[in-house]
Amino acid sequence: MTVFGAKRATGEMVTEPLVADKLSAYYGSQQAIADVTLGFFAKSVTAVIGPSGCGKSTLLRCLNRIHETLPGASVEGQVLLEGRNVYDPEVSAASVRRRIGMVFQRANPFPTMSIVDDVTSGLRYAGQARTSREQYEAAERVLRLAALWDEVKDKLHMPGASLSGGQQQRLCIARALAVDPEVLLMDEPTSALDPISTTQIEELMARLADDYTIVLVSHNMQQAARVSMYTAFMLAGADRVGRLIEFGETNQLFTHPSERQTEDYITGRFG
């Protein structure tokens, strides 16, 4: 299902730093996804689409080991980050989550923290950015990356929760970027935002893809078509188990899908 060492239209070689290999996930005895094998290309946005309940968010949470934090949750198969299985017993979950950051559907700024404390919380937890100057410099760097610096530079000591919804989501993106991850997972990051904030986040994703591997779960097929270079389509059968149906370059998948189920979904026949 994956294509290693593929070429973009520009002729540039691309690699897959993150690969799900025969990945299955369970909530107790209920299987949620089955045998997903899928590679995510470097410096690209890969969108994961499909109807509700097909396992998109579960897949995302398995990639950085957040899934296992739920009671009774388990995983089979592998997630390879630069060739090493993140579920290897010798690999700590904390180290995985530093390398594979995540932004959730709803912005979750820490309610009692200032903006500068919020975005540098991961660094401080890791024993970095210990002085006020280091924290300020780190905050400025990532707030600029998240296209938020000009809007908050004069109120860094205000609570992050005082920002607008779109600003809060960019704050959470800045927080995820502060620890220099290689991969950024985004679980429907614009579903609760207005059109202007949605456009800002989409433009931000496009810029970040110059330096990061981004995996985006989206219910919005127009968004997936706008921002992603590759798209994976997932679908659950009568057994309610999600499976990967098709993966390919976004333009090709949306215009000439290989599978009838993909065509039916993107043309609105179901979902």
C-alpha atoms as a PDB file:
ATOM      1  CA  MET A   1       0.000   0.000   0.000  1.00  0.00           C
ATOM      2  CA  THR A   2       2.909   2.374   0.658  1.00  0.00           C
ATOM      3  CA  VAL A   3       5.334   3.654  -1.948  1.00  0.00           C
ATOM      4  CA  PHE A   4       8.851   4.108  -0.604  1.00  0.00           C
ATOM      5  CA  GLY A   5      11.173   6.652  -2.181  1.00  0.00           C
ATOM      6  CA  ALA A   6       8.464   8.134  -4.411  1.00  0.00           C
ATOM      7  CA  LYS A   7       9.020  11.206  -6.540  1.00  0.00           C
ATOM      8  CA  ARG A   8       6.931  14.355  -6.573  1.00  0.00           C
ATOM      9  CA  ALA A   9       5.998  16.000  -9.838  1.00  0.00           C
ATOM     10  CA  THR A  10       9.049  18.251  -9.392  1.00  0.00           C
ATOM     11  CA  GLY A  11      11.293  15.184  -9.468  1.00  0.00           C
ATOM     12  CA  GLU A  12      12.242  15.635  -5.812  1.00  0.00           C
ATOM     13  CA  MET A  13      12.653  12.360  -3.946  1.00  0.00           C
ATOM     14  CA  VAL A  14      10.460  12.003  -0.886  1.00  0.00           C
ATOM     15  CA  THR A  15      10.744   9.526   1.940  1.00  0.00           C
ATOM     16  CA  GLU A  16       8.406   8.177   4.576  1.00  0.00           C
ATOM     17  CA  PRO A  17       9.774   8.983   8.046  1.00  0.00           C
ATOM     18  CA  LEU A  18       6.549   7.700   9.622  1.00  0.00           C
ATOM     19  CA  VAL A  19       4.949   4.382   8.642  1.00  0.00           C
ATOM     20  CA  ALA A  20       2.034   2.420  10.090  1.00  0.00           C
ATOM     21  CA  ASP A  21       2.701  -1.262   9.418  1.00  0.00           C
ATOM     22  CA  LYS A  22      -0.235  -3.678   9.747  1.00  0.00           C
ATOM     23  CA  LEU A  23      -1.594  -1.518  12.534  1.00  0.00           C
ATOM     24  CA  SER A  24      -4.700  -2.624  14.438  1.00  0.00           C
ATOM     25  CA  ALA A  25      -6.237  -0.914  17.465  1.00  0.00           C
ATOM     26  CA  TYR A  26      -8.755  -1.985  20.068  1.00  0.00           C
ATOM     27  CA  TYR A  27     -10.935  -0.458  22.764  1.00  0.00           C
ATOM     28  CA  GLY A  28     -11.189  -3.402  25.102  1.00  0.00           C
ATOM     29  CA  SER A  29     -12.518  -6.269  22.976  1.00  0.00           C
ATOM     30  CA  GLN A  30     -13.907  -3.969  20.273  1.00  0.00           C
ATOM     31  CA  GLN A  31     -11.574  -3.617  17.318  1.00  0.00           C
ATOM     32  CA  ALA A  32     -11.499  -0.084  15.927  1.00  0.00           C
ATOM     33  CA  ILE A  33      -9.053  -0.330  12.987  1.00  0.00           C
ATOM     34  CA  ALA A  34      -7.564  -3.345  11.227  1.00  0.00           C
ATOM     35  CA  ASP A  35      -4.287  -3.928   9.418  1.00  0.00           C
ATOM     36  CA  VAL A  36      -3.622  -0.351   8.348  1.00  0.00           C
ATOM     37  CA  THR A  37      -0.387  -0.063   6.387  1.00  0.00           C
ATOM     38  CA  LEU A  38       0.318   3.488   5.377  1.00  0.00           C
ATOM     39  CA  GLY A  39       3.371   5.700   4.963  1.00  0.00           C
ATOM     40  CA  PHE A  40       3.428   9.439   5.562  1.00  0.00           C
ATOM     41  CA  PHE A  41       5.773  11.412   3.355  1.00  0.00           C
ATOM     42  CA  ALA A  42       8.270  13.925   4.703  1.00  0.00           C
ATOM     43  CA  LYS A  43       7.569  17.648   4.316  1.00  0.00           C
ATOM     44  CA  SER A  44       4.048  16.987   3.133  1.00  0.00           C
ATOM     45  CA  VAL A  45       0.476  17.186   4.384  1.00  0.00           C
ATOM     46  CA  THR A  46      -1.291  13.822   4.258  1.00  0.00           C
ATOM     47  CA  ALA A  47      -5.042  14.007   4.833  1.00  0.00           C
ATOM     48  CA  VAL A  48      -6.986  11.098   6.302  1.00  0.00           C
ATOM     49  CA  ILE A  49     -10.648  11.242   5.293  1.00  0.00           C
ATOM     50  CA  GLY A  50     -13.688   9.056   5.744  1.00  0.00           C
ATOM     51  CA  PRO A  51     -17.093   9.035   7.459  1.00  0.00           C
ATOM     52  CA  SER A  52     -17.518   9.268  11.218  1.00  0.00           C
ATOM     53  CA  GLY A  53     -16.623   6.093  13.039  1.00  0.00           C
ATOM     54  CA  CYS A  54     -14.144   4.771  10.481  1.00  0.00           C
ATOM     55  CA  GLY A  55     -11.139   5.040  12.806  1.00  0.00           C
ATOM     56  CA  LYS A  56      -9.412   8.186  11.543  1.00  0.00           C
ATOM     57  CA  SER A  57      -8.803   9.696  14.954  1.00  0.00           C
ATOM     58  CA  THR A  58      -7.919   6.310  16.416  1.00  0.00           C
ATOM     59  CA  LEU A  59      -5.243   5.892  13.758  1.00  0.00           C
ATOM     60  CA  LEU A  60      -3.858   9.324  14.576  1.00  0.00           C
ATOM     61  CA  ARG A  61      -3.748   8.569  18.304  1.00  0.00           C
ATOM     62  CA  CYS A  62      -1.927   5.316  17.668  1.00  0.00           C
ATOM     63  CA  LEU A  63       0.823   7.106  15.773  1.00  0.00           C
ATOM     64  CA  ASN A  64       2.141   8.866  18.886  1.00  0.00           C
ATOM     65  CA  ARG A  65       0.936   6.388  21.506  1.00  0.00           C
ATOM     66  CA  ILE A  66      -1.865   8.490  22.953  1.00  0.00           C
ATOM     67  CA  HIS A  67      -4.303   5.662  22.231  1.00  0.00           C
ATOM     68  CA  GLU A  68      -2.719   3.486  24.897  1.00  0.00           C
ATOM     69  CA  THR A  69      -3.553   6.020  27.628  1.00  0.00           C
ATOM     70  CA  LEU A  70      -7.237   5.002  27.475  1.00  0.00           C
ATOM     71  CA  PRO A  71      -8.329   2.184  29.834  1.00  0.00           C
ATOM     72  CA  GLY A  72      -8.395  -1.144  28.010  1.00  0.00           C
ATOM     73  CA  ALA A  73      -6.947   0.262  24.799  1.00  0.00           C
ATOM     74  CA  SER A  74      -4.359  -1.781  22.920  1.00  0.00           C
ATOM     75  CA  VAL A  75      -2.450  -1.845  19.655  1.00  0.00           C
ATOM     76  CA  GLU A  76      -1.090  -4.553  17.370  1.00  0.00           C
ATOM     77  CA  GLY A  77       1.381  -4.066  14.540  1.00  0.00           C
ATOM     78  CA  GLN A  78       4.027  -1.384  14.293  1.00  0.00           C
ATOM     79  CA  VAL A  79       4.468   2.355  13.917  1.00  0.00           C
ATOM     80  CA  LEU A  80       7.911   3.050  12.498  1.00  0.00           C
ATOM     81  CA  LEU A  81       9.520   6.435  13.076  1.00  0.00           C
ATOM     82  CA  GLU A  82      12.724   6.683  11.066  1.00  0.00           C
ATOM     83  CA  GLY A  83      12.689   2.907  10.884  1.00  0.00           C
ATOM     84  CA  ARG A  84      12.249   2.152  14.595  1.00  0.00           C
ATOM     85  CA  ASN A  85       9.036   0.810  16.097  1.00  0.00           C
ATOM     86  CA  VAL A  86       7.687   3.384  18.569  1.00  0.00           C
ATOM     87  CA  TYR A  87       6.010   0.508  20.438  1.00  0.00           C
ATOM     88  CA  ASP A  88       9.342  -1.181  21.114  1.00  0.00           C
ATOM     89  CA  PRO A  89       9.516  -1.795  24.886  1.00  0.00           C
ATOM     90  CA  GLU A  90      12.766   0.158  25.031  1.00  0.00           C
ATOM     91  CA  VAL A  91      11.140   3.281  23.547  1.00  0.00           C
ATOM     92  CA  SER A  92       9.421   5.597  26.041  1.00  0.00           C
ATOM     93  CA  ALA A  93       6.019   7.033  25.194  1.00  0.00           C
ATOM     94  CA  ALA A  94       7.204  10.489  26.319  1.00  0.00           C
ATOM     95  CA  SER A  95      10.061  10.459  23.808  1.00  0.00           C
ATOM     96  CA  VAL A  96       7.640   9.446  21.051  1.00  0.00           C
ATOM     97  CA  ARG A  97       5.266  12.290  21.847  1.00  0.00           C
ATOM     98  CA  ARG A  98       8.097  14.810  21.760  1.00  0.00           C
ATOM     99  CA  ARG A  99       8.983  13.666  18.246  1.00  0.00           C
ATOM    100  CA  ILE A 100       5.375  13.282  17.083  1.00  0.00           C
ATOM    101  CA  GLY A 101       3.361  16.263  18.289  1.00  0.00           C
ATOM    102  CA  MET A 102      -0.413  16.483  18.243  1.00  0.00           C
ATOM    103  CA  VAL A 103      -3.027  19.211  17.898  1.00  0.00           C
ATOM    104  CA  PHE A 104      -6.558  18.271  18.907  1.00  0.00           C
ATOM    105  CA  GLN A 105      -9.982  19.109  17.525  1.00  0.00           C
ATOM    106  CA  ARG A 106     -10.675  21.735  20.165  1.00  0.00           C
ATOM    107  CA  ALA A 107      -8.032  24.159  21.358  1.00  0.00           C
ATOM    108  CA  ASN A 108      -6.879  23.279  24.853  1.00  0.00           C
ATOM    109  CA  PRO A 109      -4.755  26.103  26.291  1.00  0.00           C
ATOM    110  CA  PHE A 110      -3.812  25.540  29.903  1.00  0.00           C
ATOM    111  CA  PRO A 111      -6.363  27.664  31.809  1.00  0.00           C
ATOM    112  CA  THR A 112      -4.027  28.927  34.543  1.00  0.00           C
ATOM    113  CA  MET A 113      -0.982  29.582  32.360  1.00  0.00           C
ATOM    114  CA  SER A 114       0.093  32.703  30.542  1.00  0.00           C
ATOM    115  CA  ILE A 115       0.716  32.545  26.820  1.00  0.00           C
ATOM    116  CA  VAL A 116       4.485  32.364  27.276  1.00  0.00           C
ATOM    117  CA  ASP A 117       4.223  29.699  29.975  1.00  0.00           C
ATOM    118  CA  ASP A 118       1.788  27.682  27.866  1.00  0.00           C
ATOM    119  CA  VAL A 119       3.908  27.508  24.725  1.00  0.00           C
ATOM    120  CA  THR A 120       7.078  26.702  26.665  1.00  0.00           C
ATOM    121  CA  SER A 121       5.496  24.142  29.025  1.00  0.00           C
ATOM    122  CA  GLY A 122       6.888  21.169  27.090  1.00  0.00           C
ATOM    123  CA  LEU A 123      10.364  22.642  27.081  1.00  0.00           C
ATOM    124  CA  ARG A 124      10.253  23.309  30.804  1.00  0.00           C
ATOM    125  CA  TYR A 125       8.984  19.790  31.475  1.00  0.00           C
ATOM    126  CA  ALA A 126      11.996  18.476  29.546  1.00  0.00           C
ATOM    127  CA  GLY A 127      14.360  20.637  31.594  1.00  0.00           C
ATOM    128  CA  GLN A 128      14.958  23.179  28.833  1.00  0.00           C
ATOM    129  CA  ALA A 129      14.272  26.936  28.617  1.00  0.00           C
ATOM    130  CA  ARG A 130      14.916  27.367  32.334  1.00  0.00           C
ATOM    131  CA  THR A 131      15.543  31.108  32.458  1.00  0.00           C
ATOM    132  CA  SER A 132      13.002  33.809  31.670  1.00  0.00           C
ATOM    133  CA  ARG A 133      15.087  34.931  28.703  1.00  0.00           C
ATOM    134  CA  GLU A 134      15.250  31.404  27.276  1.00  0.00           C
ATOM    135  CA  GLN A 135      11.506  31.013  27.686  1.00  0.00           C
ATOM    136  CA  TYR A 136      10.810  34.345  25.997  1.00  0.00           C
ATOM    137  CA  GLU A 137      13.082  33.529  23.058  1.00  0.00           C
ATOM    138  CA  ALA A 138      11.542  30.067  22.667  1.00  0.00           C
ATOM    139  CA  ALA A 139       8.038  31.513  22.843  1.00  0.00           C
ATOM    140  CA  GLU A 140       8.811  34.128  20.216  1.00  0.00           C
ATOM    141  CA  ARG A 141      10.306  31.515  17.880  1.00  0.00           C
ATOM    142  CA  VAL A 142       7.316  29.187  17.933  1.00  0.00           C
ATOM    143  CA  LEU A 143       4.675  31.928  18.030  1.00  0.00           C
ATOM    144  CA  ARG A 144       6.240  33.283  14.855  1.00  0.00           C
ATOM    145  CA  LEU A 145       6.145  29.795  13.348  1.00  0.00           C
ATOM    146  CA  ALA A 146       2.453  29.622  14.240  1.00  0.00           C
ATOM    147  CA  ALA A 147       1.787  33.064  12.711  1.00  0.00           C
ATOM    148  CA  LEU A 148       0.606  34.357  16.096  1.00  0.00           C
ATOM    149  CA  TRP A 149       3.465  36.517  17.348  1.00  0.00           C
ATOM    150  CA  ASP A 150       2.241  39.864  15.982  1.00  0.00           C
ATOM    151  CA  GLU A 151      -1.172  39.307  17.569  1.00  0.00           C
ATOM    152  CA  VAL A 152       0.040  38.404  21.075  1.00  0.00           C
ATOM    153  CA  LYS A 153       3.497  39.944  21.523  1.00  0.00           C
ATOM    154  CA  ASP A 154       2.090  42.698  23.761  1.00  0.00           C
ATOM    155  CA  LYS A 155       0.081  40.329  25.985  1.00  0.00           C
ATOM    156  CA  LEU A 156       2.370  37.363  26.554  1.00  0.00           C
ATOM    157  CA  HIS A 157       1.532  37.295  30.244  1.00  0.00           C
ATOM    158  CA  MET A 158      -2.218  37.086  29.692  1.00  0.00           C
ATOM    159  CA  PRO A 159      -3.916  33.666  29.908  1.00  0.00           C
ATOM    160  CA  GLY A 160      -4.008  31.730  26.643  1.00  0.00           C
ATOM    161  CA  ALA A 161      -7.703  31.133  27.316  1.00  0.00           C
ATOM    162  CA  SER A 162      -8.315  34.859  26.796  1.00  0.00           C
ATOM    163  CA  LEU A 163      -7.558  34.541  23.073  1.00  0.00           C
ATOM    164  CA  SER A 164     -10.106  33.921  20.337  1.00  0.00           C
ATOM    165  CA  GLY A 165     -10.807  30.360  19.214  1.00  0.00           C
ATOM    166  CA  GLY A 166      -8.583  30.605  16.163  1.00  0.00           C
ATOM    167  CA  GLN A 167      -5.782  32.186  18.165  1.00  0.00           C
ATOM    168  CA  GLN A 168      -6.062  29.486  20.810  1.00  0.00           C
ATOM    169  CA  GLN A 169      -5.675  26.793  18.161  1.00  0.00           C
ATOM    170  CA  ARG A 170      -2.564  28.489  16.772  1.00  0.00           C
ATOM    171  CA  LEU A 171      -1.292  28.747  20.355  1.00  0.00           C
ATOM    172  CA  CYS A 172      -1.693  24.981  20.687  1.00  0.00           C
ATOM    173  CA  ILE A 173       0.152  24.509  17.391  1.00  0.00           C
ATOM    174  CA  ALA A 174       2.967  26.703  18.728  1.00  0.00           C
ATOM    175  CA  ARG A 175       3.083  24.620  21.916  1.00  0.00           C
ATOM    176  CA  ALA A 176       3.377  21.417  19.862  1.00  0.00           C
ATOM    177  CA  LEU A 177       6.175  22.929  17.767  1.00  0.00           C
ATOM    178  CA  ALA A 178       8.187  24.167  20.754  1.00  0.00           C
ATOM    179  CA  VAL A 179       9.832  20.782  21.400  1.00  0.00           C
ATOM    180  CA  ASP A 180      10.908  20.510  17.736  1.00  0.00           C
ATOM    181  CA  PRO A 181       8.882  17.477  16.646  1.00  0.00           C
ATOM    182  CA  GLU A 182       9.525  15.775  13.338  1.00  0.00           C
ATOM    183  CA  VAL A 183       5.853  14.987  12.765  1.00  0.00           C
ATOM    184  CA  LEU A 184       2.736  17.025  13.557  1.00  0.00           C
ATOM    185  CA  LEU A 185      -0.608  15.238  13.901  1.00  0.00           C
ATOM    186  CA  MET A 186      -3.714  17.418  13.512  1.00  0.00           C
ATOM    187  CA  ASP A 187      -7.110  15.986  14.448  1.00  0.00           C
ATOM    188  CA  GLU A 188      -9.762  18.141  12.755  1.00  0.00           C
ATOM    189  CA  PRO A 189      -8.022  21.329  13.941  1.00  0.00           C
ATOM    190  CA  THR A 190     -10.510  23.695  12.268  1.00  0.00           C
ATOM    191  CA  SER A 191     -13.841  21.939  12.927  1.00  0.00           C
ATOM    192  CA  ALA A 192     -14.786  24.404  15.700  1.00  0.00           C
ATOM    193  CA  LEU A 193     -13.490  27.522  13.920  1.00  0.00           C
ATOM    194  CA  ASP A 194     -15.036  30.226  11.771  1.00  0.00           C
ATOM    195  CA  PRO A 195     -14.100  30.496   8.057  1.00  0.00           C
ATOM    196  CA  ILE A 196     -11.466  33.208   8.594  1.00  0.00           C
ATOM    197  CA  SER A 197      -9.710  31.254  11.354  1.00  0.00           C
ATOM    198  CA  THR A 198      -9.982  28.095   9.250  1.00  0.00           C
ATOM    199  CA  THR A 199      -8.214  29.828   6.363  1.00  0.00           C
ATOM    200  CA  GLN A 200      -5.452  30.999   8.712  1.00  0.00           C
ATOM    201  CA  ILE A 201      -4.865  27.459   9.977  1.00  0.00           C
ATOM    202  CA  GLU A 202      -4.871  26.045   6.438  1.00  0.00           C
ATOM    203  CA  GLU A 203      -2.333  28.634   5.298  1.00  0.00           C
ATOM    204  CA  LEU A 204      -0.246  27.825   8.350  1.00  0.00           C
ATOM    205  CA  MET A 205      -0.297  24.096   7.540  1.00  0.00           C
ATOM    206  CA  ALA A 206       0.910  24.841   4.028  1.00  0.00           C
ATOM    207  CA  ARG A 207       3.875  26.811   5.390  1.00  0.00           C
ATOM    208  CA  LEU A 208       4.727  24.259   8.068  1.00  0.00           C
ATOM    209  CA  ALA A 209       4.795  21.484   5.474  1.00  0.00           C
ATOM    210  CA  ASP A 210       8.054  22.971   4.193  1.00  0.00           C
ATOM    211  CA  ASP A 211       9.713  21.642   7.349  1.00  0.00           C
ATOM    212  CA  TYR A 212       7.417  19.069   8.963  1.00  0.00           C
ATOM    213  CA  THR A 213       5.607  15.855   8.156  1.00  0.00           C
ATOM    214  CA  ILE A 214       1.941  16.668   8.794  1.00  0.00           C
ATOM    215  CA  VAL A 215      -0.919  14.191   9.152  1.00  0.00           C
ATOM    216  CA  LEU A 216      -4.358  15.807   9.049  1.00  0.00           C
ATOM    217  CA  VAL A 217      -7.647  14.145   9.951  1.00  0.00           C
ATOM    218  CA  SER A 218     -10.506  16.062   8.365  1.00  0.00           C
ATOM    219  CA  HIS A 219     -14.216  15.551   7.743  1.00  0.00           C
ATOM    220  CA  ASN A 220     -14.014  18.424   5.269  1.00  0.00           C
ATOM    221  CA  MET A 221     -13.148  16.985   1.872  1.00  0.00           C
ATOM    222  CA  GLN A 222     -12.744  20.460   0.371  1.00  0.00           C
ATOM    223  CA  GLN A 223     -10.152  21.206   3.043  1.00  0.00           C
ATOM    224  CA  ALA A 224      -8.335  17.945   2.360  1.00  0.00           C
ATOM    225  CA  ALA A 225      -8.259  18.785  -1.341  1.00  0.00           C
ATOM    226  CA  ARG A 226      -6.936  22.292  -0.647  1.00  0.00           C
ATOM    227  CA  VAL A 227      -4.147  21.584   1.813  1.00  0.00           C
ATOM    228  CA  SER A 228      -2.899  18.031   1.324  1.00  0.00           C
ATOM    229  CA  MET A 229      -0.506  16.468  -1.153  1.00  0.00           C
ATOM    230  CA  TYR A 230      -1.598  12.917  -0.301  1.00  0.00           C
ATOM    231  CA  THR A 231      -4.900  11.509   0.909  1.00  0.00           C
ATOM    232  CA  ALA A 232      -5.880   8.277   2.632  1.00  0.00           C
ATOM    233  CA  PHE A 233      -9.511   7.147   2.621  1.00  0.00           C
ATOM    234  CA  MET A 234     -10.761   4.963   5.463  1.00  0.00           C
ATOM    235  CA  LEU A 235     -14.073   3.171   5.835  1.00  0.00           C
ATOM    236  CA  ALA A 236     -15.673   0.906   8.418  1.00  0.00           C
ATOM    237  CA  GLY A 237     -17.690  -2.105   7.362  1.00  0.00           C
ATOM    238  CA  ALA A 238     -20.673  -3.750   8.975  1.00  0.00           C
ATOM    239  CA  ASP A 239     -18.354  -4.959  11.732  1.00  0.00           C
ATOM    240  CA  ARG A 240     -17.603  -1.297  12.616  1.00  0.00           C
ATOM    241  CA  VAL A 241     -13.891  -1.880  12.065  1.00  0.00           C
ATOM    242  CA  GLY A 242     -12.074   0.824  10.111  1.00  0.00           C
ATOM    243  CA  ARG A 243      -9.825  -0.140   7.216  1.00  0.00           C
ATOM    244  CA  LEU A 244      -7.713   1.732   4.724  1.00  0.00           C
ATOM    245  CA  ILE A 245      -9.484   1.631   1.376  1.00  0.00           C
ATOM    246  CA  GLU A 246      -7.252   3.797  -0.800  1.00  0.00           C
ATOM    247  CA  PHE A 247      -4.190   6.012  -0.624  1.00  0.00           C
ATOM    248  CA  GLY A 248      -2.652   8.244  -3.254  1.00  0.00           C
ATOM    249  CA  GLU A 249      -1.793  11.729  -4.403  1.00  0.00           C
ATOM    250  CA  THR A 250      -4.683  14.004  -3.505  1.00  0.00           C
ATOM    251  CA  ASN A 251      -5.463  15.237  -7.006  1.00  0.00           C
ATOM    252  CA  GLN A 252      -5.567  11.730  -8.386  1.00  0.00           C
ATOM    253  CA  LEU A 253      -7.625  10.297  -5.540  1.00  0.00           C
ATOM    254  CA  PHE A 254     -10.241  13.045  -5.786  1.00  0.00           C
ATOM    255  CA  THR A 255     -10.491  13.033  -9.571  1.00  0.00           C
ATOM    256  CA  HIS A 256      -9.763   9.416 -10.524  1.00  0.00           C
ATOM    257  CA  PRO A 257     -10.132   7.185  -7.464  1.00  0.00           C
ATOM    258  CA  SER A 258      -9.215   3.535  -7.914  1.00  0.00           C
ATOM    259  CA  GLU A 259     -11.894   2.144  -5.619  1.00  0.00           C
ATOM    260  CA  ARG A 260     -15.658   2.407  -6.065  1.00  0.00           C
ATOM    261  CA  GLN A 261     -16.108   3.031  -2.332  1.00  0.00           C
ATOM    262  CA  THR A 262     -13.806   6.045  -2.538  1.00  0.00           C
ATOM    263  CA  GLU A 263     -15.715   7.455  -5.490  1.00  0.00           C
ATOM    264  CA  ASP A 264     -19.042   6.947  -3.717  1.00  0.00           C
ATOM    265  CA  TYR A 265     -17.782   8.804  -0.650  1.00  0.00           C
ATOM    266  CA  ILE A 266     -16.221  11.801  -2.385  1.00  0.00           C
ATOM    267  CA  THR A 267     -19.259  12.221  -4.643  1.00  0.00           C
ATOM    268  CA  GLY A 268     -21.596  12.234  -1.651  1.00  0.00           C
ATOM    269  CA  ARG A 269     -23.379   8.946  -2.177  1.00  0.00           C
ATOM    270  CA  PHE A 270     -22.808   8.152   1.495  1.00  0.00           C
ATOM    271  CA  GLY A 271     -21.071   9.545   4.568  1.00  0.00           C
END
